[in-house]
Amino acid sequence: MDESIWYVSLPQYVRAARGVRFFAVVLVTALLPASALLAGCTSSQPTPPPPPGPVASPPVQAFTPGVAFAVTSSAFPPNGVIPTQYTCKGAGTPPPISWSGDMKGAPVVSVVVFDPDAPGGEFVHWVVYDLPSSVTSLSGAALPAGAKQAENSSGKVGWTAPCPPSGIHHYHFAVYAMSHPTGLKNGLAADDVRHVIASNAVAYGEVIGTVSG
């Protein structure tokens, strides 16, 4: 090979190599911001926690003080069958109930009758509140002076008779001794009154009767 050609051509190769390096540096420099931006767009971001949902209200019957007194009915034994005359197939009057025992000095008493076996959820048949503590029984729908009644699940104020569509239903006749009167007016929604009753109760008792549909 002619050395003169070598010496002449060498600077051209050097210049070409330098040009390639320069182009590579320029290309990398140009691509760096774009790659950084792409990396920033595609980087995984931590998923924020879902917002807290609404706090569910506690069940109306969530608080029941220890059973401190007895509740009985002369119409049926505990867990016994409620006679037809006290249901929608008879006269439909409230069965007689009475209570006795340690009332913890409560000045007032409230009575709640409900059916937890109803198809659409718990059905409230009767809520009587602010009975004087001197009252120790109820017989029929007549109430002593000062007593109030809430709206039951049928939409009426006062008592509604058991009338199950099918199966065996358990009717709870619950009596609450309360530390002070509810301060509520007559005819309010049952759940509103029951929340106040439960929060003011200091003693509790109940008797359960059954009716078949």
Protein backbone atom coordinates (compact mmCIF):
# COMPACT_ATOMS: atom_id res chain seq x y z
CA MET A 1 0.00 0.00 0.00
CA ASP A 2 1.23 3.51 -0.87
CA GLU A 3 2.22 5.20 2.41
CA SER A 4 1.41 8.60 0.94
CA ILE A 5 -2.17 7.48 0.58
CA TRP A 6 -2.15 6.37 4.24
CA TYR A 7 -0.83 9.67 5.48
CA VAL A 8 -3.24 11.61 3.32
CA SER A 9 -6.28 9.50 4.24
CA LEU A 10 -5.62 9.28 8.01
CA PRO A 11 -6.76 12.85 8.85
CA GLN A 12 -9.97 12.20 6.91
CA TYR A 13 -10.74 9.12 9.05
CA VAL A 14 -9.94 11.10 12.22
CA ARG A 15 -12.22 13.90 11.19
CA ALA A 16 -14.97 11.41 10.33
CA ALA A 17 -14.62 9.70 13.70
CA ARG A 18 -14.77 12.99 15.52
CA GLY A 19 -17.88 13.89 13.55
CA VAL A 20 -19.56 10.63 14.53
CA ARG A 21 -18.74 11.20 18.21
CA PHE A 22 -20.04 14.76 18.04
CA PHE A 23 -23.28 13.60 16.41
CA ALA A 24 -23.72 10.89 19.07
CA VAL A 25 -23.23 13.39 21.90
CA VAL A 26 -25.73 15.80 20.34
CA LEU A 27 -28.25 12.98 19.82
CA VAL A 28 -27.94 11.71 23.40
CA THR A 29 -28.20 15.25 24.79
CA ALA A 30 -31.35 15.85 22.76
CA LEU A 31 -32.96 12.59 23.82
CA LEU A 32 -32.26 12.88 27.56
CA PRO A 33 -35.09 15.42 28.38
CA ALA A 34 -37.58 13.42 26.34
CA SER A 35 -36.65 10.18 28.04
CA ALA A 36 -36.86 11.84 31.45
CA LEU A 37 -40.30 13.21 30.57
CA LEU A 38 -41.43 9.82 29.33
CA ALA A 39 -40.13 8.17 32.49
CA GLY A 40 -41.99 10.72 34.58
CA CYS A 41 -45.21 10.07 32.68
CA THR A 42 -44.95 6.31 32.86
CA SER A 43 -43.66 6.02 36.42
CA SER A 44 -46.16 4.32 38.69
CA GLN A 45 -47.91 6.69 41.04
CA PRO A 46 -49.19 5.42 44.42
CA THR A 47 -52.95 4.87 44.34
CA PRO A 48 -54.61 7.22 46.83
CA PRO A 49 -56.74 5.46 49.45
CA PRO A 50 -60.51 5.55 48.80
CA PRO A 51 -62.39 8.22 50.70
CA PRO A 52 -63.97 6.96 53.91
CA GLY A 53 -67.57 5.87 53.47
CA PRO A 54 -70.46 7.06 55.60
CA VAL A 55 -70.51 5.74 59.14
CA ALA A 56 -73.42 3.39 59.56
CA SER A 57 -75.84 4.19 62.32
CA PRO A 58 -75.83 1.64 65.12
CA PRO A 59 -78.81 -0.73 65.28
CA VAL A 60 -81.67 0.56 67.38
CA GLN A 61 -81.46 -2.47 69.67
CA ALA A 62 -77.64 -2.36 69.92
CA PHE A 63 -77.77 -1.27 73.57
CA THR A 64 -79.83 -3.28 76.02
CA PRO A 65 -78.94 -3.11 79.69
CA GLY A 66 -78.73 -6.34 81.62
CA VAL A 67 -82.08 -7.93 82.31
CA ALA A 68 -82.93 -6.60 85.75
CA PHE A 69 -86.64 -7.32 86.03
CA ALA A 70 -89.23 -9.78 84.80
CA VAL A 71 -91.83 -9.15 82.12
CA THR A 72 -94.77 -11.54 81.86
CA SER A 73 -98.13 -11.85 80.14
CA SER A 74 -101.24 -13.51 81.51
CA ALA A 75 -102.23 -14.30 77.92
CA PHE A 76 -99.25 -16.52 76.99
CA PRO A 77 -96.19 -18.12 78.63
CA PRO A 78 -92.63 -17.05 77.71
CA ASN A 79 -91.92 -18.18 74.14
CA GLY A 80 -95.49 -19.46 73.95
CA VAL A 81 -98.19 -18.91 71.36
CA ILE A 82 -100.05 -15.59 71.50
CA PRO A 83 -103.80 -16.32 71.36
CA THR A 84 -105.63 -15.49 68.14
CA GLN A 85 -107.74 -12.80 69.78
CA TYR A 86 -104.62 -10.60 70.03
CA THR A 87 -103.76 -10.96 66.33
CA CYS A 88 -105.23 -9.62 63.10
CA LYS A 89 -107.38 -12.76 62.90
CA GLY A 90 -109.17 -11.78 66.10
CA ALA A 91 -109.99 -8.54 67.87
CA GLY A 92 -106.36 -7.49 67.51
CA THR A 93 -106.05 -5.81 70.90
CA PRO A 94 -102.66 -5.73 72.69
CA PRO A 95 -102.13 -8.70 75.01
CA PRO A 96 -101.78 -7.78 78.68
CA ILE A 97 -98.23 -7.50 80.00
CA SER A 98 -96.82 -6.68 83.42
CA TRP A 99 -93.37 -6.19 84.91
CA SER A 100 -91.78 -6.34 88.33
CA GLY A 101 -88.32 -6.21 89.88
CA ASP A 102 -85.51 -3.72 90.35
CA MET A 103 -86.27 -0.68 88.20
CA LYS A 104 -83.08 1.12 89.34
CA GLY A 105 -85.14 4.02 90.65
CA ALA A 106 -86.29 4.93 87.14
CA PRO A 107 -88.95 7.66 87.04
CA VAL A 108 -90.42 6.52 83.71
CA VAL A 109 -90.87 3.33 81.70
CA SER A 110 -91.16 2.65 77.96
CA VAL A 111 -92.51 -0.37 76.10
CA VAL A 112 -91.46 -1.53 72.64
CA VAL A 113 -93.12 -4.43 70.77
CA PHE A 114 -91.36 -5.62 67.63
CA ASP A 115 -91.13 -8.58 65.27
CA PRO A 116 -87.58 -9.31 64.00
CA ASP A 117 -88.86 -12.04 61.65
CA ALA A 118 -90.87 -9.79 59.32
CA PRO A 119 -90.04 -10.31 55.60
CA GLY A 120 -89.03 -6.69 55.04
CA GLY A 121 -86.93 -6.46 58.19
CA GLU A 122 -87.87 -5.69 61.75
CA PHE A 123 -91.48 -4.58 62.14
CA VAL A 124 -92.36 -2.32 65.08
CA HIS A 125 -95.88 -2.95 66.41
CA TRP A 126 -95.98 -0.60 69.37
CA VAL A 127 -93.85 2.02 71.10
CA VAL A 128 -95.17 3.52 74.33
CA TYR A 129 -92.89 5.97 76.13
CA ASP A 130 -92.76 8.11 79.25
CA LEU A 131 -95.07 5.87 81.29
CA PRO A 132 -94.89 6.80 84.99
CA SER A 133 -92.83 4.24 86.91
CA SER A 134 -95.84 3.67 89.15
CA VAL A 135 -97.42 1.88 86.18
CA THR A 136 -96.42 -1.80 86.22
CA SER A 137 -98.75 -3.23 83.58
CA LEU A 138 -100.61 -2.55 80.37
CA SER A 139 -103.89 -4.15 79.41
CA GLY A 140 -105.41 -3.23 76.08
CA ALA A 141 -104.73 -0.07 74.12
CA ALA A 142 -105.88 2.34 76.86
CA LEU A 143 -102.93 4.21 78.38
CA PRO A 144 -102.53 6.22 81.58
CA ALA A 145 -102.27 10.00 81.44
CA GLY A 146 -98.92 11.32 80.30
CA ALA A 147 -97.99 8.27 78.22
CA LYS A 148 -97.10 8.82 74.56
CA GLN A 149 -97.08 6.57 71.52
CA ALA A 150 -94.85 6.52 68.44
CA GLU A 151 -95.75 5.76 64.86
CA ASN A 152 -95.47 2.02 64.22
CA SER A 153 -94.22 0.30 61.06
CA SER A 154 -97.71 0.32 59.52
CA GLY A 155 -97.59 4.12 59.55
CA LYS A 156 -100.11 4.56 62.35
CA VAL A 157 -99.64 5.95 65.85
CA GLY A 158 -100.25 3.31 68.50
CA TRP A 159 -100.64 -0.46 68.39
CA THR A 160 -100.92 -2.70 65.33
CA ALA A 161 -101.77 -6.37 65.79
CA PRO A 162 -99.48 -9.25 64.74
CA CYS A 163 -100.33 -10.49 61.26
CA PRO A 164 -97.45 -12.59 59.90
CA PRO A 165 -97.77 -13.70 56.25
CA SER A 166 -96.14 -17.10 56.81
CA GLY A 167 -93.92 -19.03 59.19
CA ILE A 168 -93.46 -18.56 62.92
CA HIS A 169 -92.78 -15.00 64.05
CA HIS A 170 -91.40 -14.00 67.45
CA TYR A 171 -92.90 -10.91 69.08
CA HIS A 172 -90.73 -9.18 71.66
CA PHE A 173 -92.51 -7.22 74.38
CA ALA A 174 -89.60 -5.20 75.76
CA VAL A 175 -89.86 -2.91 78.77
CA TYR A 176 -87.24 -0.24 79.53
CA ALA A 177 -86.75 1.53 82.85
CA MET A 178 -85.37 4.97 81.99
CA SER A 179 -83.24 7.43 83.90
CA HIS A 180 -85.39 10.37 82.78
CA PRO A 181 -88.28 11.13 80.40
CA THR A 182 -87.56 11.24 76.67
CA GLY A 183 -88.72 14.83 76.32
CA LEU A 184 -90.25 13.86 72.97
CA LYS A 185 -93.71 14.71 71.74
CA ASN A 186 -96.37 12.18 70.80
CA GLY A 187 -96.55 10.51 67.37
CA LEU A 188 -92.88 10.57 66.31
CA ALA A 189 -91.25 7.90 64.12
CA ALA A 190 -90.57 4.67 66.01
CA ASP A 191 -86.84 4.55 65.29
CA ASP A 192 -86.30 8.11 66.53
CA VAL A 193 -88.03 7.33 69.80
CA ARG A 194 -86.29 3.97 70.21
CA HIS A 195 -82.84 5.54 69.92
CA VAL A 196 -83.68 7.88 72.80
CA ILE A 197 -85.18 5.05 74.84
CA ALA A 198 -82.09 2.88 74.38
CA SER A 199 -79.73 5.69 75.34
CA ASN A 200 -81.71 6.52 78.52
CA ALA A 201 -82.40 2.94 79.65
CA VAL A 202 -80.97 1.76 82.97
CA ALA A 203 -82.78 -1.57 83.24
CA TYR A 204 -84.53 -3.88 80.84
CA GLY A 205 -86.75 -6.94 80.60
CA GLU A 206 -88.82 -8.68 77.94
CA VAL A 207 -91.18 -11.54 77.22
CA ILE A 208 -91.47 -13.17 73.79
CA GLY A 209 -94.58 -14.70 72.23
CA THR A 210 -95.07 -16.38 68.84
CA VAL A 211 -97.66 -16.17 66.08
CA SER A 212 -97.76 -18.38 62.97
CA GLY A 213 -98.85 -17.13 59.58
